[in-house]
Amino acid sequence: MATWTEPSSSITTDLREIAEDVVARALRAGATSAEAIAREGSEFSVTVRMGEVETLKESGSRSLGVRAFIGRRAGSTYTSDFTQEGIERMLKGALDLARVTSEDPCAGIPEPSQLGSCPGDLKLYYEDVYSLAPEERIEYARRAEKAAFDFDPRIRNSEGGSFEAVDGRRVLANSHGFTGEYRRSYCSVVAVPIAQADDGAMQRDYWYSSARTLSKLDSPEEVGRIAAQRALRRLGARKIASTRVPLIFDPQMARSLLDQVFEAVSGDSIYRGASFLQGKLGEKIAGDNVTVIDDGTLPGGFGTSPFDDEGVPTQRTVVIEKGVLKSYLLNTYTARKLSLKTTGNASRSLAGSPAIGNGNFFLEKGGRSPRQIIAGVKQGLYVTEMLGHGGNLVTGDFSQGASGQWIENGEFAYPVEEITVAGNLKDMLNNIAEIGDDLEFRSSMAAPTLRIEGMTIAGE
């Protein structure tokens, strides 16, 4: 087992000074504008399988990236070498690239008036994530797996129980005088049990909990129990004939549908003409019951930050309001391309141009419980897993492999597998018949249970 060193409560490297110095040095070396990102953090992860530690990772890292502009030409590089020589090589590389790249009239950092940071404590960092000793973290993973085994004798194998803890700090500085920083913490526990029927047929499933603070993490026993239930309900799965019935998507699968919506409203997709929602601002594109919001300011949210990766304050953006497309999600570049205003959704790694990232992207909940929605279906399918990536953003066509539970007279009748569910995202958005009240954030994207009419199941 690797040796564990508890991270210091205060980070000794002054990332703020380093980032500001990199920007100043880039300007002295010939850049007309520049921005730097500095990151530092620690990570612990463990996977226990059949009660024994299978993998254990403990790491600390720090890295630095710069994006330099010469007029409207940009170059970017990064390094993990914080020596003077390492930083000099990084700066030279970025400026050399900027001198040979093509000029882009939309390139550049945001205007000074656009820069800033959300005030107040956004509840992103908690010291208790690292309050457990390494042995206790390993025991978290072991307890999750054990709870699954203890739940039912048909849980006979496992792909493991896992625990993860992450602590990081991020600083962004640019040549318009902006410097911002924040810290984040994160922890999670996962169980992946395998159920086996008397005839030897096996099914796997999983469950997990994630939180910014250990105090809000579900117990390992709860995670293991739910994971076992999910695996057991898949035993005896059968194929069904092709049909057209209502589909109910559980929150995990509804979230994957929402991801398709996010990609369709992303400024990158819009200005490239790669989205079925291009040119649809102000138009009705979904049912009256559909409101989708992106909010990067929710305290404690997985997609929350005080500013985006260009230094623009994050914000609450109503993307779809009662079925009407109100806004795309934009960074500075895509906003300039579309003659619009950035929504504070820039997301970037240490090098390269910013892409579009979501804040806390969610579909507003409805007023019906999942149980009520299921009870209202005479015949249908409750979708609990989808395989592959089957959406075409240009046309809206959607087709994915799936499995789930067949519904008869408002009750689960038997598990179903080896089917394909298909439709068109344009129709699906308009055919959301019911929305559940079970909205819960387990990541930066969330949706409640959905009932969608008019989709096709391709089976035997």
Protein backbone atom coordinates (compact mmCIF):
# COMPACT_ATOMS: atom_id res chain seq x y z
CA MET A 1 0.00 0.00 0.00
CA ALA A 2 1.29 3.47 -0.84
CA THR A 3 2.38 5.82 1.91
CA TRP A 4 -0.13 8.49 2.79
CA THR A 5 0.81 12.08 3.58
CA GLU A 6 -2.00 14.31 4.84
CA PRO A 7 -2.13 17.52 2.78
CA SER A 8 -1.40 20.78 4.54
CA SER A 9 -4.41 22.92 5.41
CA SER A 10 -2.68 25.88 3.73
CA ILE A 11 -1.21 25.65 0.25
CA THR A 12 2.35 26.92 0.37
CA THR A 13 2.78 27.68 -3.32
CA ASP A 14 1.49 31.18 -4.05
CA LEU A 15 -0.40 30.37 -7.21
CA ARG A 16 -1.85 33.86 -7.38
CA GLU A 17 1.56 35.50 -7.60
CA ILE A 18 2.74 32.93 -10.12
CA ALA A 19 -0.26 33.42 -12.42
CA GLU A 20 0.02 37.21 -12.31
CA ASP A 21 3.76 37.00 -12.97
CA VAL A 22 3.23 34.76 -16.00
CA VAL A 23 0.82 37.30 -17.50
CA ALA A 24 3.26 40.17 -16.90
CA ARG A 25 6.13 38.20 -18.44
CA ALA A 26 4.03 37.33 -21.48
CA LEU A 27 3.36 41.04 -22.07
CA ARG A 28 7.03 41.91 -21.69
CA ALA A 29 7.88 39.19 -24.22
CA GLY A 30 5.63 40.66 -26.90
CA ALA A 31 2.07 39.51 -26.19
CA THR A 32 -0.63 42.17 -26.62
CA SER A 33 -2.83 40.33 -24.09
CA ALA A 34 -2.60 37.12 -22.07
CA GLU A 35 -4.22 34.95 -19.43
CA ALA A 36 -2.80 32.30 -17.12
CA ILE A 37 -4.39 29.43 -15.19
CA ALA A 38 -2.64 27.85 -12.20
CA ARG A 39 -3.98 24.73 -10.48
CA GLU A 40 -2.97 22.71 -7.46
CA GLY A 41 -4.69 19.83 -5.71
CA SER A 42 -4.70 16.45 -4.02
CA GLU A 43 -6.60 13.27 -4.84
CA PHE A 44 -7.27 10.01 -3.04
CA SER A 45 -9.15 7.08 -4.58
CA VAL A 46 -9.51 3.45 -3.61
CA THR A 47 -11.36 0.47 -5.05
CA VAL A 48 -12.04 -2.60 -2.93
CA ARG A 49 -13.13 -5.83 -4.63
CA MET A 50 -14.31 -8.89 -2.70
CA GLY A 51 -13.20 -7.15 0.47
CA GLU A 52 -9.61 -6.61 -0.65
CA VAL A 53 -7.94 -3.40 -1.84
CA GLU A 54 -7.59 -3.65 -5.61
CA THR A 55 -6.41 -0.15 -6.53
CA LEU A 56 -5.21 2.74 -4.39
CA LYS A 57 -4.22 6.13 -5.72
CA GLU A 58 -2.83 9.05 -3.77
CA SER A 59 -1.51 12.03 -5.68
CA GLY A 60 -0.80 15.70 -5.53
CA SER A 61 -0.33 17.85 -8.59
CA ARG A 62 0.18 21.38 -9.74
CA SER A 63 0.17 22.80 -13.23
CA LEU A 64 0.26 26.07 -15.08
CA GLY A 65 -1.08 27.16 -18.45
CA VAL A 66 -0.88 30.35 -20.50
CA ARG A 67 -2.83 31.69 -23.48
CA ALA A 68 -1.01 34.53 -25.22
CA PHE A 69 -2.31 36.80 -27.97
CA ILE A 70 -0.45 38.82 -30.54
CA GLY A 71 -3.26 40.90 -31.95
CA ARG A 72 -5.93 38.36 -32.93
CA ARG A 73 -3.49 35.46 -33.12
CA ALA A 74 -3.43 33.07 -30.17
CA GLY A 75 -1.07 30.43 -28.83
CA SER A 76 -1.28 28.36 -25.65
CA THR A 77 0.91 25.91 -23.77
CA TYR A 78 1.13 24.43 -20.28
CA THR A 79 3.64 22.95 -17.88
CA SER A 80 3.97 21.23 -14.53
CA ASP A 81 7.53 22.60 -14.19
CA PHE A 82 7.32 25.66 -11.94
CA THR A 83 11.02 26.50 -12.18
CA GLN A 84 12.01 29.72 -13.91
CA GLU A 85 13.33 27.68 -16.84
CA GLY A 86 10.11 25.70 -17.11
CA ILE A 87 7.96 28.84 -17.12
CA GLU A 88 10.22 30.50 -19.70
CA ARG A 89 9.88 27.48 -22.01
CA MET A 90 6.11 27.57 -21.60
CA LEU A 91 5.92 31.28 -22.45
CA LYS A 92 8.20 30.95 -25.44
CA GLY A 93 6.12 28.07 -26.77
CA ALA A 94 2.88 30.04 -26.50
CA LEU A 95 4.30 33.13 -28.18
CA ASP A 96 5.95 31.11 -30.95
CA LEU A 97 2.58 29.51 -31.68
CA ALA A 98 0.80 32.87 -31.63
CA ARG A 99 3.17 34.22 -34.26
CA VAL A 100 2.39 31.45 -36.77
CA THR A 101 -1.33 30.80 -36.22
CA SER A 102 -4.02 32.33 -38.37
CA GLU A 103 -5.64 35.59 -37.32
CA ASP A 104 -9.18 35.25 -36.00
CA PRO A 105 -11.24 38.44 -35.59
CA CYS A 106 -13.26 36.86 -32.74
CA ALA A 107 -10.24 35.73 -30.70
CA GLY A 108 -9.21 37.43 -27.48
CA ILE A 109 -9.95 37.65 -23.78
CA PRO A 110 -13.18 39.29 -22.54
CA GLU A 111 -13.51 43.05 -22.29
CA PRO A 112 -12.57 44.49 -18.88
CA SER A 113 -16.20 45.43 -18.21
CA GLN A 114 -17.23 41.76 -18.52
CA LEU A 115 -14.81 40.45 -15.90
CA GLY A 116 -15.60 39.78 -12.27
CA SER A 117 -16.48 37.22 -9.63
CA CYS A 118 -19.68 36.22 -7.82
CA PRO A 119 -19.62 37.57 -4.26
CA GLY A 120 -20.06 35.56 -1.08
CA ASP A 121 -19.36 32.00 -0.05
CA LEU A 122 -20.55 29.58 -2.73
CA LYS A 123 -19.87 26.63 -0.40
CA LEU A 124 -17.47 24.87 -2.73
CA TYR A 125 -14.83 23.80 -0.23
CA TYR A 126 -15.06 21.74 2.97
CA GLU A 127 -12.12 20.55 5.01
CA ASP A 128 -13.98 17.43 6.17
CA VAL A 129 -13.37 15.77 2.79
CA TYR A 130 -9.88 15.07 4.09
CA SER A 131 -10.90 14.50 7.70
CA LEU A 132 -10.86 10.70 7.44
CA ALA A 133 -7.69 8.71 7.90
CA PRO A 134 -6.70 6.60 4.87
CA GLU A 135 -7.84 3.41 6.63
CA GLU A 136 -11.30 4.92 7.17
CA ARG A 137 -11.56 5.88 3.50
CA ILE A 138 -10.70 2.35 2.50
CA GLU A 139 -13.34 1.14 4.95
CA TYR A 140 -15.92 3.39 3.23
CA ALA A 141 -15.33 1.47 0.00
CA ARG A 142 -15.34 -1.88 1.82
CA ARG A 143 -18.61 -1.07 3.64
CA ALA A 144 -20.37 -0.14 0.37
CA GLU A 145 -19.43 -3.44 -1.25
CA LYS A 146 -20.26 -5.45 1.88
CA ALA A 147 -23.71 -3.85 2.15
CA ALA A 148 -24.49 -5.05 -1.37
CA PHE A 149 -23.38 -8.61 -0.55
CA ASP A 150 -25.33 -8.59 2.71
CA PHE A 151 -28.54 -7.44 1.05
CA ASP A 152 -29.31 -10.68 -0.82
CA PRO A 153 -27.53 -14.03 -1.32
CA ARG A 154 -27.95 -13.64 -5.08
CA ILE A 155 -25.31 -10.88 -4.99
CA ARG A 156 -22.45 -13.29 -5.59
CA ASN A 157 -19.79 -11.14 -7.23
CA SER A 158 -18.71 -7.55 -7.47
CA GLU A 159 -16.82 -5.09 -9.59
CA GLY A 160 -15.98 -3.30 -6.38
CA GLY A 161 -16.75 -0.57 -3.93
CA SER A 162 -14.95 2.75 -4.30
CA PHE A 163 -14.27 5.93 -2.36
CA GLU A 164 -12.78 9.15 -3.72
CA ALA A 165 -11.74 12.46 -2.16
CA VAL A 166 -10.50 15.47 -4.12
CA ASP A 167 -9.28 18.89 -3.00
CA GLY A 168 -8.22 21.55 -5.51
CA ARG A 169 -7.43 25.22 -5.95
CA ARG A 170 -7.65 27.23 -9.18
CA VAL A 171 -6.35 30.72 -10.02
CA LEU A 172 -7.03 32.71 -13.19
CA ALA A 173 -5.25 35.96 -14.06
CA ASN A 174 -5.32 38.04 -17.22
CA SER A 175 -3.82 41.22 -18.66
CA HIS A 176 -6.99 43.25 -18.10
CA GLY A 177 -6.24 43.27 -14.39
CA PHE A 178 -8.46 40.39 -13.34
CA THR A 179 -7.25 37.82 -10.84
CA GLY A 180 -9.64 35.35 -9.26
CA GLU A 181 -9.31 32.13 -7.33
CA TYR A 182 -11.38 29.49 -5.56
CA ARG A 183 -11.05 26.09 -3.90
CA ARG A 184 -13.26 23.06 -4.38
CA SER A 185 -13.68 19.78 -2.55
CA TYR A 186 -15.44 16.61 -3.63
CA CYS A 187 -16.02 13.09 -2.35
CA SER A 188 -17.92 10.05 -3.58
CA VAL A 189 -18.72 6.45 -2.71
CA VAL A 190 -19.72 3.81 -5.28
CA ALA A 191 -20.83 0.17 -5.30
CA VAL A 192 -20.99 -2.07 -8.40
CA PRO A 193 -22.44 -5.48 -7.45
CA ILE A 194 -23.17 -8.47 -9.71
CA ALA A 195 -26.32 -10.53 -9.17
CA GLN A 196 -26.58 -14.16 -10.26
CA ALA A 197 -29.76 -16.16 -10.81
CA ASP A 198 -30.10 -19.90 -10.13
CA ASP A 199 -29.62 -20.62 -13.84
CA GLY A 200 -26.24 -18.83 -13.76
CA ALA A 201 -27.36 -15.69 -15.62
CA MET A 202 -25.67 -12.57 -14.23
CA GLN A 203 -26.54 -8.90 -14.18
CA ARG A 204 -24.53 -5.94 -12.88
CA ASP A 205 -25.63 -2.48 -11.83
CA TYR A 206 -24.33 0.33 -9.65
CA TRP A 207 -25.22 3.16 -7.35
CA TYR A 208 -23.28 6.08 -5.96
CA SER A 209 -23.37 9.20 -3.84
CA SER A 210 -21.32 12.34 -4.35
CA ALA A 211 -21.03 15.57 -2.42
CA ARG A 212 -18.81 18.56 -1.75
CA THR A 213 -18.73 17.66 1.94
CA LEU A 214 -18.46 14.32 3.69
CA SER A 215 -21.42 15.29 5.89
CA LYS A 216 -23.78 15.19 2.88
CA LEU A 217 -22.53 11.91 1.46
CA ASP A 218 -25.00 9.02 1.70
CA SER A 219 -23.81 6.21 3.95
CA PRO A 220 -21.90 3.37 2.27
CA GLU A 221 -24.59 1.01 3.52
CA GLU A 222 -27.31 2.98 1.71
CA VAL A 223 -25.28 3.07 -1.50
CA GLY A 224 -24.57 -0.66 -1.36
CA ARG A 225 -28.21 -1.51 -0.65
CA ILE A 226 -29.55 0.51 -3.58
CA ALA A 227 -26.87 -0.88 -5.92
CA ALA A 228 -27.89 -4.42 -4.94
CA GLN A 229 -31.58 -3.69 -5.54
CA ARG A 230 -30.79 -2.27 -8.96
CA ALA A 231 -28.75 -5.34 -9.93
CA LEU A 232 -31.34 -7.80 -8.62
CA ARG A 233 -34.23 -6.25 -10.50
CA ARG A 234 -32.41 -6.94 -13.77
CA LEU A 235 -32.35 -10.72 -13.26
CA GLY A 236 -34.55 -12.61 -15.69
CA ALA A 237 -34.41 -9.87 -18.32
CA ARG A 238 -36.08 -10.72 -21.61
CA LYS A 239 -36.46 -9.29 -25.08
CA ILE A 240 -39.72 -7.83 -26.28
CA ALA A 241 -41.30 -7.31 -29.68
CA SER A 242 -40.98 -3.95 -31.39
CA THR A 243 -43.69 -1.58 -30.23
CA ARG A 244 -44.65 2.03 -29.61
CA VAL A 245 -45.54 2.80 -26.00
CA PRO A 246 -44.91 5.56 -23.43
CA LEU A 247 -41.35 5.60 -22.12
CA ILE A 248 -40.49 6.66 -18.58
CA PHE A 249 -36.86 7.68 -18.11
CA ASP A 250 -35.45 7.40 -14.60
CA PRO A 251 -33.51 10.48 -13.41
CA GLN A 252 -30.14 9.08 -14.53
CA MET A 253 -31.42 8.45 -18.06
CA ALA A 254 -33.37 11.72 -18.14
CA ARG A 255 -30.08 13.42 -17.35
CA SER A 256 -28.47 11.81 -20.40
CA LEU A 257 -31.30 13.20 -22.55
CA LEU A 258 -30.70 16.62 -21.01
CA ASP A 259 -27.06 16.33 -22.02
CA GLN A 260 -28.23 16.18 -25.63
CA VAL A 261 -30.13 19.44 -25.06
CA PHE A 262 -27.02 21.02 -23.56
CA GLU A 263 -24.97 20.09 -26.62
CA ALA A 264 -27.70 21.48 -28.87
CA VAL A 265 -27.72 24.90 -27.12
CA SER A 266 -23.92 25.10 -26.87
CA GLY A 267 -22.53 28.11 -28.71
CA ASP A 268 -19.95 25.88 -30.40
CA SER A 269 -22.70 23.76 -31.98
CA ILE A 270 -24.77 26.81 -32.90
CA TYR A 271 -22.15 28.87 -34.74
CA ARG A 272 -20.87 25.79 -36.57
CA GLY A 273 -24.38 25.02 -37.80
CA ALA A 274 -24.26 21.63 -36.05
CA SER A 275 -27.46 21.90 -33.99
CA PHE A 276 -31.14 21.44 -34.75
CA LEU A 277 -31.72 24.50 -32.52
CA GLN A 278 -29.68 26.88 -34.67
CA GLY A 279 -31.72 29.99 -35.45
CA LYS A 280 -34.51 29.02 -33.03
CA LEU A 281 -34.09 31.72 -30.36
CA GLY A 282 -37.49 32.98 -29.28
CA GLU A 283 -39.29 30.02 -30.85
CA LYS A 284 -41.35 27.29 -29.21
CA ILE A 285 -39.19 24.16 -29.23
CA ALA A 286 -40.69 22.14 -26.34
CA GLY A 287 -43.89 21.61 -24.37
CA ASP A 288 -45.26 24.24 -22.00
CA ASN A 289 -44.13 22.12 -19.05
CA VAL A 290 -40.44 22.29 -20.05
CA THR A 291 -38.17 24.86 -18.38
CA VAL A 292 -34.41 24.31 -18.51
CA ILE A 293 -31.97 26.42 -16.50
CA ASP A 294 -28.21 26.72 -16.30
CA ASP A 295 -27.11 28.19 -12.98
CA GLY A 296 -23.44 28.47 -12.09
CA THR A 297 -24.19 30.27 -8.83
CA LEU A 298 -26.08 27.61 -6.82
CA PRO A 299 -24.30 27.30 -3.45
CA GLY A 300 -22.52 23.95 -3.19
CA GLY A 301 -23.43 22.91 -6.73
CA PHE A 302 -21.20 20.56 -8.69
CA GLY A 303 -21.22 23.07 -11.56
CA THR A 304 -20.83 26.15 -9.39
CA SER A 305 -17.88 28.56 -9.57
CA PRO A 306 -17.50 32.29 -8.90
CA PHE A 307 -16.32 32.92 -12.47
CA ASP A 308 -15.91 30.93 -15.67
CA ASP A 309 -12.61 29.98 -17.26
CA GLU A 310 -12.25 33.43 -18.85
CA GLY A 311 -12.93 35.43 -15.68
CA VAL A 312 -16.57 36.26 -16.48
CA PRO A 313 -18.89 35.94 -13.46
CA THR A 314 -21.09 32.87 -13.62
CA GLN A 315 -24.81 33.49 -13.81
CA ARG A 316 -28.28 32.00 -13.88
CA THR A 317 -29.42 31.58 -17.49
CA VAL A 318 -32.93 30.49 -18.42
CA VAL A 319 -32.29 28.39 -21.52
CA ILE A 320 -35.83 27.14 -22.19
CA GLU A 321 -38.82 28.80 -20.51
CA LYS A 322 -42.18 27.06 -20.78
CA GLY A 323 -41.08 25.53 -24.04
CA VAL A 324 -39.60 28.68 -25.60
CA LEU A 325 -35.86 28.77 -26.40
CA LYS A 326 -34.62 31.85 -24.54
CA SER A 327 -30.83 31.59 -24.68
CA TYR A 328 -27.85 29.68 -25.97
CA LEU A 329 -24.89 29.01 -23.68
CA LEU A 330 -21.87 31.04 -24.75
CA ASN A 331 -18.28 31.93 -24.01
CA THR A 332 -16.60 35.08 -25.30
CA TYR A 333 -15.58 33.59 -28.64
CA THR A 334 -18.94 32.06 -29.55
CA ALA A 335 -20.75 35.20 -28.36
CA ARG A 336 -18.66 37.28 -30.76
CA LYS A 337 -19.29 34.78 -33.54
CA LEU A 338 -23.04 35.06 -33.00
CA SER A 339 -23.13 38.80 -32.17
CA LEU A 340 -24.48 37.96 -28.71
CA LYS A 341 -23.22 38.33 -25.13
CA THR A 342 -21.31 35.69 -23.21
CA THR A 343 -23.33 33.79 -20.62
CA GLY A 344 -20.25 32.99 -18.51
CA ASN A 345 -19.97 29.39 -19.75
CA ALA A 346 -16.33 29.30 -20.83
CA SER A 347 -14.61 26.04 -19.93
CA ARG A 348 -11.02 25.19 -20.72
CA SER A 349 -8.14 23.00 -19.81
CA LEU A 350 -4.68 24.46 -19.25
CA ALA A 351 -4.02 24.80 -22.98
CA GLY A 352 -6.23 25.43 -25.97
CA SER A 353 -9.18 27.69 -26.60
CA PRO A 354 -12.15 27.73 -24.23
CA ALA A 355 -15.07 25.44 -25.00
CA ILE A 356 -18.59 25.63 -23.58
CA GLY A 357 -19.19 24.14 -20.15
CA ASN A 358 -22.37 23.90 -18.13
CA GLY A 359 -22.95 25.29 -14.69
CA ASN A 360 -25.69 23.44 -12.83
CA PHE A 361 -27.79 22.51 -15.86
CA PHE A 362 -31.22 21.15 -14.99
CA LEU A 363 -34.80 20.59 -16.03
CA GLU A 364 -37.21 22.11 -13.52
CA LYS A 365 -39.15 19.51 -11.57
CA GLY A 366 -42.86 18.83 -11.91
CA GLY A 367 -45.49 17.97 -9.33
CA ARG A 368 -45.91 14.20 -9.70
CA SER A 369 -43.98 11.49 -7.86
CA PRO A 370 -42.26 8.76 -9.91
CA ARG A 371 -44.68 6.27 -8.37
CA GLN A 372 -47.66 8.30 -9.62
CA ILE A 373 -46.18 8.60 -13.11
CA ILE A 374 -45.56 4.85 -13.34
CA ALA A 375 -49.03 4.08 -11.98
CA GLY A 376 -50.58 6.06 -14.82
CA VAL A 377 -49.08 3.86 -17.55
CA LYS A 378 -51.09 0.87 -18.75
CA GLN A 379 -48.25 -0.48 -20.92
CA GLY A 380 -44.82 1.07 -21.25
CA LEU A 381 -41.13 0.90 -20.50
CA TYR A 382 -39.21 2.33 -17.55
CA VAL A 383 -35.72 3.02 -18.93
CA THR A 384 -32.84 2.51 -16.49
CA GLU A 385 -29.86 2.16 -18.84
CA MET A 386 -28.88 3.40 -22.28
CA LEU A 387 -25.86 2.27 -24.23
CA GLY A 388 -23.66 4.28 -26.57
CA HIS A 389 -24.17 7.77 -27.94
CA GLY A 390 -27.04 7.79 -30.40
CA GLY A 391 -28.02 11.43 -30.89
CA ASN A 392 -27.57 13.40 -34.13
CA LEU A 393 -27.54 17.07 -33.11
CA VAL A 394 -27.92 18.30 -36.67
CA THR A 395 -31.15 16.42 -37.41
CA GLY A 396 -32.29 15.68 -33.86
CA ASP A 397 -32.54 11.95 -34.61
CA PHE A 398 -32.09 9.83 -31.48
CA SER A 399 -31.48 6.08 -31.20
CA GLN A 400 -29.80 4.18 -28.37
CA GLY A 401 -29.61 0.69 -26.99
CA ALA A 402 -31.53 0.40 -23.74
CA SER A 403 -32.73 -1.79 -20.90
CA GLY A 404 -35.24 -1.32 -18.14
CA GLN A 405 -38.48 -2.54 -16.62
CA TRP A 406 -41.64 -3.37 -18.56
CA ILE A 407 -44.76 -1.74 -17.08
CA GLU A 408 -48.15 -3.48 -17.03
CA ASN A 409 -51.15 -1.72 -15.48
CA GLY A 410 -49.00 0.74 -13.56
CA GLU A 411 -46.62 -1.86 -12.06
CA PHE A 412 -43.21 -3.26 -12.98
CA ALA A 413 -43.82 -6.64 -14.63
CA TYR A 414 -40.39 -7.90 -15.68
CA PRO A 415 -36.95 -6.62 -16.76
CA VAL A 416 -36.22 -5.96 -20.43
CA GLU A 417 -32.91 -5.86 -22.30
CA GLU A 418 -31.42 -5.86 -25.83
CA ILE A 419 -33.77 -3.25 -27.23
CA THR A 420 -33.32 0.11 -28.95
CA VAL A 421 -35.33 3.22 -28.19
CA ALA A 422 -35.67 5.76 -30.98
CA GLY A 423 -37.25 9.09 -31.75
CA ASN A 424 -36.33 12.64 -32.65
CA LEU A 425 -35.19 15.15 -30.04
CA LYS A 426 -37.46 17.82 -31.55
CA ASP A 427 -40.48 15.56 -31.05
CA MET A 428 -39.28 14.27 -27.68
CA LEU A 429 -39.07 17.80 -26.25
CA ASN A 430 -42.65 18.42 -27.34
CA ASN A 431 -43.90 15.04 -26.14
CA ILE A 432 -42.80 15.19 -22.49
CA ALA A 433 -46.15 14.26 -20.96
CA GLU A 434 -45.12 14.27 -17.29
CA ILE A 435 -42.21 15.50 -15.21
CA GLY A 436 -41.44 14.06 -11.79
CA ASP A 437 -40.83 15.86 -8.52
CA ASP A 438 -37.58 13.96 -7.88
CA LEU A 439 -34.98 16.44 -9.10
CA GLU A 440 -31.69 15.68 -7.33
CA PHE A 441 -28.18 16.83 -8.20
CA ARG A 442 -25.66 13.99 -8.25
CA SER A 443 -23.49 15.85 -10.75
CA SER A 444 -23.56 19.24 -12.48
CA MET A 445 -26.47 18.10 -14.68
CA ALA A 446 -29.79 16.87 -13.32
CA ALA A 447 -33.29 15.98 -14.43
CA PRO A 448 -36.28 14.37 -12.72
CA THR A 449 -38.21 11.34 -13.95
CA LEU A 450 -39.72 11.94 -17.40
CA ARG A 451 -42.61 10.34 -19.27
CA ILE A 452 -42.26 10.77 -23.04
CA GLU A 453 -44.86 9.75 -25.59
CA GLY A 454 -44.41 8.74 -29.20
CA MET A 455 -41.06 6.93 -29.11
CA THR A 456 -40.39 3.60 -30.78
CA ILE A 457 -38.94 0.48 -29.16
CA ALA A 458 -37.11 -1.79 -31.58
CA GLY A 459 -36.98 -5.33 -30.21
CA GLU A 460 -37.37 -8.80 -31.63
